[in-house]
Amino acid sequence: MASGLPVIVPRSGGAYEVARNAALTFEPGDSDDLAEKLQALMDDPGLYEKMSEKSIQRVGEFTWSEAAEKYLDFFERVVFR
C-alpha cells in the first residue's frame, strides 16, 4: 500500500481489517474471485488509479507514534495492571 499499488485482500483476517475500503476483496479460498479482481485491475486503468490513491490515503492514516501509543496503552492495561 505504501508504494501506491492497488491491494487485493481476502475478506477476513488482519489484512482485511487494515486495508478496509482501500483494497479490493475476494472470498477466502475462491481463486476465481481473486482472478476476477486481478483481471479487473488489469483491464480498468481507472479502477487501478482509484485503488492506488486509496492505498496511499490509507497508509497515511498510520504513524509510528500512533502505533507506539497503542502498544503502550495495551501494555498498561494488560501487562502492567
C-alpha atoms as a PDB file:
ATOM      1  CA  MET A   1       0.000   0.000   0.000  1.00  0.00           C
ATOM      2  CA  ALA A   2       2.784   2.413   0.857  1.00  0.00           C
ATOM      3  CA  SER A   3       4.170   2.074  -2.657  1.00  0.00           C
ATOM      4  CA  GLY A   4       0.848   3.191  -4.086  1.00  0.00           C
ATOM      5  CA  LEU A   5      -0.062  -0.113  -5.649  1.00  0.00           C
ATOM      6  CA  PRO A   6      -3.607  -1.447  -5.589  1.00  0.00           C
ATOM      7  CA  VAL A   7      -4.157  -4.159  -2.991  1.00  0.00           C
ATOM      8  CA  ILE A   8      -6.348  -7.270  -3.075  1.00  0.00           C
ATOM      9  CA  VAL A   9      -7.025  -8.997   0.247  1.00  0.00           C
ATOM     10  CA  PRO A  10      -9.262 -11.821   1.459  1.00  0.00           C
ATOM     11  CA  ARG A  11     -12.466 -10.730   3.218  1.00  0.00           C
ATOM     12  CA  SER A  12     -11.188 -11.923   6.580  1.00  0.00           C
ATOM     13  CA  GLY A  13      -8.177 -11.612   8.808  1.00  0.00           C
ATOM     14  CA  GLY A  14      -5.721  -8.893   9.573  1.00  0.00           C
ATOM     15  CA  ALA A  15      -5.091  -7.637   6.065  1.00  0.00           C
ATOM     16  CA  TYR A  16      -8.811  -7.057   5.596  1.00  0.00           C
ATOM     17  CA  GLU A  17      -9.019  -5.141   8.869  1.00  0.00           C
ATOM     18  CA  VAL A  18      -6.043  -2.969   7.970  1.00  0.00           C
ATOM     19  CA  ALA A  19      -6.927  -2.303   4.338  1.00  0.00           C
ATOM     20  CA  ARG A  20     -10.622  -1.584   4.898  1.00  0.00           C
ATOM     21  CA  ASN A  21     -12.078   0.046   1.791  1.00  0.00           C
ATOM     22  CA  ALA A  22      -8.632   0.792   0.331  1.00  0.00           C
ATOM     23  CA  ALA A  23      -8.413  -2.692  -1.169  1.00  0.00           C
ATOM     24  CA  LEU A  24     -10.363  -4.927  -3.448  1.00  0.00           C
ATOM     25  CA  THR A  25     -11.510  -8.031  -1.610  1.00  0.00           C
ATOM     26  CA  PHE A  26     -12.128 -11.638  -2.518  1.00  0.00           C
ATOM     27  CA  GLU A  27     -13.784 -14.541  -0.779  1.00  0.00           C
ATOM     28  CA  PRO A  28     -11.113 -16.603   1.021  1.00  0.00           C
ATOM     29  CA  GLY A  29     -10.393 -19.824  -0.861  1.00  0.00           C
ATOM     30  CA  ASP A  30     -12.165 -18.628  -4.011  1.00  0.00           C
ATOM     31  CA  SER A  31      -9.456 -18.454  -6.664  1.00  0.00           C
ATOM     32  CA  ASP A  32     -11.978 -17.434  -9.327  1.00  0.00           C
ATOM     33  CA  ASP A  33     -12.985 -14.413  -7.249  1.00  0.00           C
ATOM     34  CA  LEU A  34      -9.327 -13.462  -6.797  1.00  0.00           C
ATOM     35  CA  ALA A  35      -8.688 -13.884 -10.525  1.00  0.00           C
ATOM     36  CA  GLU A  36     -11.658 -11.615 -11.308  1.00  0.00           C
ATOM     37  CA  LYS A  37     -10.234  -8.880  -9.091  1.00  0.00           C
ATOM     38  CA  LEU A  38      -6.793  -9.185 -10.701  1.00  0.00           C
ATOM     39  CA  GLN A  39      -8.341  -9.064 -14.161  1.00  0.00           C
ATOM     40  CA  ALA A  40     -10.419  -6.022 -13.231  1.00  0.00           C
ATOM     41  CA  LEU A  41      -7.279  -4.132 -12.190  1.00  0.00           C
ATOM     42  CA  MET A  42      -5.519  -5.073 -15.420  1.00  0.00           C
ATOM     43  CA  ASP A  43      -8.496  -4.185 -17.627  1.00  0.00           C
ATOM     44  CA  ASP A  44      -9.611  -0.951 -15.980  1.00  0.00           C
ATOM     45  CA  PRO A  45      -6.979   1.795 -15.663  1.00  0.00           C
ATOM     46  CA  GLY A  46      -9.482   3.973 -13.796  1.00  0.00           C
ATOM     47  CA  LEU A  47     -10.011   1.295 -11.157  1.00  0.00           C
ATOM     48  CA  TYR A  48      -6.257   0.774 -10.897  1.00  0.00           C
ATOM     49  CA  GLU A  49      -5.717   4.500 -10.336  1.00  0.00           C
ATOM     50  CA  LYS A  50      -8.591   4.773  -7.840  1.00  0.00           C
ATOM     51  CA  MET A  51      -7.316   1.848  -5.774  1.00  0.00           C
ATOM     52  CA  SER A  52      -3.746   3.195  -5.923  1.00  0.00           C
ATOM     53  CA  GLU A  53      -4.939   6.511  -4.498  1.00  0.00           C
ATOM     54  CA  LYS A  54      -6.920   4.747  -1.779  1.00  0.00           C
ATOM     55  CA  SER A  55      -3.829   2.742  -0.821  1.00  0.00           C
ATOM     56  CA  ILE A  56      -1.759   5.877  -0.370  1.00  0.00           C
ATOM     57  CA  GLN A  57      -4.519   7.571   1.629  1.00  0.00           C
ATOM     58  CA  ARG A  58      -4.960   4.559   3.904  1.00  0.00           C
ATOM     59  CA  VAL A  59      -1.245   4.263   4.627  1.00  0.00           C
ATOM     60  CA  GLY A  60      -1.267   7.908   5.639  1.00  0.00           C
ATOM     61  CA  GLU A  61      -3.596   7.005   8.494  1.00  0.00           C
ATOM     62  CA  PHE A  62      -0.829   5.001  10.193  1.00  0.00           C
ATOM     63  CA  THR A  63       2.115   6.558  12.001  1.00  0.00           C
ATOM     64  CA  TRP A  64       4.856   5.164  14.210  1.00  0.00           C
ATOM     65  CA  SER A  65       3.801   7.423  17.073  1.00  0.00           C
ATOM     66  CA  GLU A  66       0.211   6.166  16.845  1.00  0.00           C
ATOM     67  CA  ALA A  67       1.420   2.561  16.880  1.00  0.00           C
ATOM     68  CA  ALA A  68       3.639   3.258  19.886  1.00  0.00           C
ATOM     69  CA  GLU A  69       0.745   4.863  21.763  1.00  0.00           C
ATOM     70  CA  LYS A  70      -1.472   1.850  21.095  1.00  0.00           C
ATOM     71  CA  TYR A  71       1.207  -0.588  22.271  1.00  0.00           C
ATOM     72  CA  LEU A  72       1.818   1.470  25.398  1.00  0.00           C
ATOM     73  CA  ASP A  73      -1.914   1.569  26.121  1.00  0.00           C
ATOM     74  CA  PHE A  74      -2.129  -2.191  25.640  1.00  0.00           C
ATOM     75  CA  PHE A  75       0.786  -2.873  27.973  1.00  0.00           C
ATOM     76  CA  GLU A  76      -0.585  -0.513  30.589  1.00  0.00           C
ATOM     77  CA  ARG A  77      -3.997  -2.205  30.501  1.00  0.00           C
ATOM     78  CA  VAL A  78      -2.916  -5.822  30.206  1.00  0.00           C
ATOM     79  CA  VAL A  79       0.652  -6.301  31.326  1.00  0.00           C
ATOM     80  CA  PHE A  80       1.175  -3.602  33.959  1.00  0.00           C
ATOM     81  CA  ARG A  81      -2.195  -3.714  35.713  1.00  0.00           C
END
